[in-house]
Amino acid sequence: MELALFLLKGILIGLLFGVPVGAVGTMAIQRTLEHGIKAGLITGLGSSAADCIYVSIGAFGLTLVSDFLLKYQTAITVIGGGFIIAMGICSFAGKPHKKSELKKESAEMAMFLSAFVVGITNPAAILTFLFAFSYFNLTEGMTVLNGALLVLGVLAGTFVWWLLLSFAAGRFREKAGRHQTALSRIFGCLLFIFGMVIWIRLLFGEVRT
């Protein structure tokens, strides 16, 4: 019963913190509209992999890793924001790719890795999960098995969210076909804005300190 509780809490954490549609959500929707549900799901799973790394840090008390991330949080955030801005510019300037123009394996790997980079360069995520650990009273008595089940639960919870989001976006794919170029530019603008917001928040945070 106790083991199942850790799995359930992990699923809830994954759902709670996977739902906000930020940069990765925008990427998942855009890719679903361009390439189909599988592309959106692969993009989401890249973010899920980053989430699992962060929750593992909290679950297994990897203080050396967390200290490193917090120490270099500014540099990592700058890189992450710049990466999102670059993707936004490329999306705005480029044309949507047809399926035949993409090598399936390399394209899917690029989708996964780009979402993973966006997720892993967000050090604030570890603070979010640490807050969740405190809220769900997971800060004490964490065994290796409990931690593994928690990570598995987070993976399952985020997977369910990305699956639902991809299917929802997929329902509009046919209608969006004639407007792919315009939509690509809109999503590009959104990604650019997300990246700029990250930089602006970082700048004002540095100014205040």
Protein backbone atom coordinates (compact mmCIF):
# COMPACT_ATOMS: atom_id res chain seq x y z
CA MET A 1 0.00 0.00 0.00
CA GLU A 2 2.82 2.39 0.91
CA LEU A 3 4.61 1.68 -2.38
CA ALA A 4 1.45 2.34 -4.36
CA LEU A 5 1.10 5.64 -2.50
CA PHE A 6 4.52 6.80 -3.69
CA LEU A 7 3.61 5.87 -7.26
CA LEU A 8 0.31 7.77 -6.97
CA LYS A 9 2.01 10.84 -5.53
CA GLY A 10 4.50 10.75 -8.37
CA ILE A 11 1.67 10.67 -10.91
CA LEU A 12 -0.01 13.63 -9.21
CA ILE A 13 3.24 15.61 -9.19
CA GLY A 14 3.75 14.82 -12.87
CA LEU A 15 0.24 15.98 -13.73
CA LEU A 16 0.37 19.10 -11.58
CA PHE A 17 3.67 20.35 -12.95
CA GLY A 18 3.29 19.06 -16.48
CA VAL A 19 0.03 20.85 -17.21
CA PRO A 20 1.22 24.49 -17.56
CA VAL A 21 1.73 25.07 -21.29
CA GLY A 22 5.09 26.82 -21.56
CA ALA A 23 7.80 26.61 -24.21
CA VAL A 24 7.71 22.81 -24.48
CA GLY A 25 3.91 22.81 -24.64
CA THR A 26 4.08 25.30 -27.50
CA MET A 27 6.66 23.13 -29.27
CA ALA A 28 4.52 20.02 -28.79
CA ILE A 29 1.41 21.67 -30.23
CA GLN A 30 3.31 23.10 -33.19
CA ARG A 31 4.93 19.78 -34.04
CA THR A 32 1.66 17.91 -33.67
CA LEU A 33 0.02 20.27 -36.16
CA GLU A 34 2.94 19.89 -38.59
CA HIS A 35 3.87 16.22 -38.24
CA GLY A 36 1.18 14.43 -36.26
CA ILE A 37 0.45 13.20 -32.74
CA LYS A 38 3.62 11.11 -32.48
CA ALA A 39 5.79 14.19 -33.01
CA GLY A 40 4.01 16.07 -30.22
CA LEU A 41 4.30 13.11 -27.88
CA ILE A 42 8.02 12.66 -28.57
CA THR A 43 8.55 16.35 -27.86
CA GLY A 44 6.69 16.04 -24.57
CA LEU A 45 8.70 12.99 -23.57
CA GLY A 46 11.89 15.01 -23.97
CA SER A 47 10.58 17.35 -21.29
CA SER A 48 9.47 14.36 -19.18
CA ALA A 49 13.01 12.98 -19.25
CA ALA A 50 14.31 16.30 -17.89
CA ASP A 51 11.59 16.29 -15.21
CA CYS A 52 12.58 12.78 -14.16
CA ILE A 53 16.19 13.87 -13.74
CA TYR A 54 15.14 16.74 -11.51
CA VAL A 55 12.80 14.62 -9.42
CA SER A 56 15.56 12.01 -9.08
CA ILE A 57 17.83 14.72 -7.65
CA GLY A 58 15.19 15.49 -5.04
CA ALA A 59 14.21 11.88 -4.37
CA PHE A 60 17.72 10.52 -3.94
CA GLY A 61 19.23 13.57 -2.26
CA LEU A 62 21.84 14.25 -4.93
CA THR A 63 23.01 17.42 -3.25
CA LEU A 64 26.19 17.74 -5.32
CA VAL A 65 24.10 17.93 -8.49
CA SER A 66 21.51 20.28 -7.01
CA ASP A 67 24.23 22.53 -5.58
CA PHE A 68 25.92 22.67 -8.99
CA LEU A 69 22.64 23.58 -10.74
CA LEU A 70 21.83 26.28 -8.20
CA LYS A 71 25.38 27.66 -8.28
CA TYR A 72 25.34 28.04 -12.07
CA GLN A 73 21.63 28.79 -12.31
CA THR A 74 22.21 32.15 -14.03
CA ALA A 75 24.42 30.74 -16.77
CA ILE A 76 22.12 27.77 -17.35
CA THR A 77 19.08 30.03 -17.51
CA VAL A 78 20.79 32.32 -20.04
CA ILE A 79 21.60 29.30 -22.23
CA GLY A 80 18.06 27.94 -21.92
CA GLY A 81 16.43 31.26 -22.76
CA GLY A 82 18.76 31.75 -25.72
CA PHE A 83 17.96 28.28 -27.04
CA ILE A 84 14.22 28.98 -26.92
CA ILE A 85 14.72 32.35 -28.65
CA ALA A 86 16.79 30.69 -31.39
CA MET A 87 14.08 28.07 -31.96
CA GLY A 88 11.47 30.81 -32.12
CA ILE A 89 13.44 32.73 -34.74
CA CYS A 90 14.00 29.59 -36.81
CA SER A 91 10.33 28.68 -36.60
CA PHE A 92 9.26 32.18 -37.63
CA ALA A 93 11.72 32.42 -40.52
CA GLY A 94 11.44 28.86 -41.82
CA LYS A 95 8.73 26.96 -43.62
CA PRO A 96 6.92 23.95 -42.13
CA HIS A 97 8.59 20.73 -43.22
CA LYS A 98 6.72 18.04 -45.03
CA LYS A 99 7.03 14.49 -43.71
CA SER A 100 8.90 13.42 -46.85
CA GLU A 101 11.52 16.11 -46.25
CA LEU A 102 12.47 14.72 -42.85
CA LYS A 103 14.48 11.64 -42.05
CA LYS A 104 12.25 9.98 -39.51
CA GLU A 105 14.81 8.81 -36.96
CA SER A 106 16.94 11.95 -36.95
CA ALA A 107 13.88 14.22 -36.88
CA GLU A 108 12.38 12.39 -33.91
CA MET A 109 15.67 12.46 -32.05
CA ALA A 110 15.97 16.22 -32.70
CA MET A 111 12.44 16.75 -31.37
CA PHE A 112 13.20 14.79 -28.21
CA LEU A 113 16.58 16.42 -27.57
CA SER A 114 15.39 19.98 -28.19
CA ALA A 115 12.58 19.55 -25.65
CA PHE A 116 15.01 17.88 -23.23
CA VAL A 117 17.42 20.82 -23.51
CA VAL A 118 14.61 23.30 -22.80
CA GLY A 119 13.55 21.28 -19.77
CA ILE A 120 17.01 20.60 -18.34
CA THR A 121 18.13 24.23 -18.67
CA ASN A 122 15.34 25.31 -16.35
CA PRO A 123 16.96 25.04 -12.89
CA ALA A 124 13.80 26.47 -11.31
CA ALA A 125 12.27 23.05 -11.98
CA ILE A 126 14.25 21.51 -9.12
CA LEU A 127 12.83 24.10 -6.73
CA THR A 128 9.36 23.25 -8.00
CA PHE A 129 9.84 19.57 -7.32
CA LEU A 130 11.40 20.22 -3.93
CA PHE A 131 8.30 22.25 -3.08
CA ALA A 132 6.17 19.32 -4.23
CA PHE A 133 8.20 16.97 -2.01
CA SER A 134 7.49 19.19 0.97
CA TYR A 135 3.79 19.54 0.09
CA PHE A 136 3.33 15.78 -0.28
CA ASN A 137 5.51 15.10 2.78
CA LEU A 138 8.16 13.21 0.81
CA THR A 139 11.20 14.70 2.49
CA GLU A 140 11.67 11.90 5.05
CA GLY A 141 11.93 8.13 4.91
CA MET A 142 12.71 7.96 1.19
CA THR A 143 14.15 4.57 0.23
CA VAL A 144 15.63 3.70 -3.16
CA LEU A 145 12.48 1.76 -4.10
CA ASN A 146 10.21 4.60 -2.98
CA GLY A 147 12.29 7.06 -4.97
CA ALA A 148 12.20 4.86 -8.06
CA LEU A 149 8.42 4.56 -7.83
CA LEU A 150 8.13 8.33 -7.39
CA VAL A 151 10.20 8.93 -10.54
CA LEU A 152 8.14 6.33 -12.41
CA GLY A 153 4.96 8.07 -11.26
CA VAL A 154 6.21 11.45 -12.47
CA LEU A 155 7.05 9.90 -15.84
CA ALA A 156 3.57 8.36 -16.04
CA GLY A 157 1.85 11.59 -15.02
CA THR A 158 3.72 13.74 -17.51
CA PHE A 159 3.22 11.10 -20.22
CA VAL A 160 -0.56 11.22 -19.71
CA TRP A 161 -0.51 15.03 -19.99
CA TRP A 162 1.57 15.08 -23.18
CA LEU A 163 -0.62 12.34 -24.67
CA LEU A 164 -3.78 14.35 -23.97
CA LEU A 165 -2.23 17.57 -25.29
CA SER A 166 -0.98 15.88 -28.47
CA PHE A 167 -4.35 14.24 -29.16
CA ALA A 168 -6.16 17.55 -28.56
CA ALA A 169 -3.84 19.37 -30.97
CA GLY A 170 -4.10 16.49 -33.45
CA ARG A 171 -7.84 17.03 -33.79
CA PHE A 172 -7.16 20.41 -35.39
CA ARG A 173 -4.37 19.22 -37.67
CA GLU A 174 -6.43 18.83 -40.83
CA LYS A 175 -8.09 22.22 -40.37
CA ALA A 176 -4.72 23.85 -39.80
CA GLY A 177 -3.17 22.38 -42.96
CA ARG A 178 -3.81 25.42 -45.14
CA HIS A 179 -2.45 27.79 -42.50
CA GLN A 180 0.76 26.00 -41.53
CA THR A 181 3.05 28.86 -42.52
CA ALA A 182 1.06 31.40 -40.51
CA LEU A 183 0.82 29.04 -37.54
CA SER A 184 4.55 28.35 -37.68
CA ARG A 185 5.20 32.08 -37.43
CA ILE A 186 2.74 32.47 -34.56
CA PHE A 187 4.37 29.64 -32.61
CA GLY A 188 7.76 31.11 -33.45
CA CYS A 189 6.68 34.42 -31.92
CA LEU A 190 5.42 32.63 -28.82
CA LEU A 191 8.70 30.79 -28.35
CA PHE A 192 10.62 34.04 -28.85
CA ILE A 193 8.44 35.70 -26.18
CA PHE A 194 8.95 32.79 -23.76
CA GLY A 195 12.72 33.08 -24.18
CA MET A 196 12.71 36.86 -23.75
CA VAL A 197 10.56 36.58 -20.61
CA ILE A 198 13.15 34.19 -19.14
CA TRP A 199 15.94 36.66 -19.86
CA ILE A 200 13.96 39.67 -18.60
CA ARG A 201 13.04 37.92 -15.35
CA LEU A 202 16.66 36.93 -14.90
CA LEU A 203 17.82 40.50 -15.57
CA PHE A 204 15.41 42.06 -13.09
CA GLY A 205 16.29 39.40 -10.55
CA GLU A 206 19.97 40.24 -10.91
CA VAL A 207 19.23 43.96 -10.63
CA ARG A 208 17.25 43.46 -7.42
CA THR A 209 20.04 41.42 -5.86
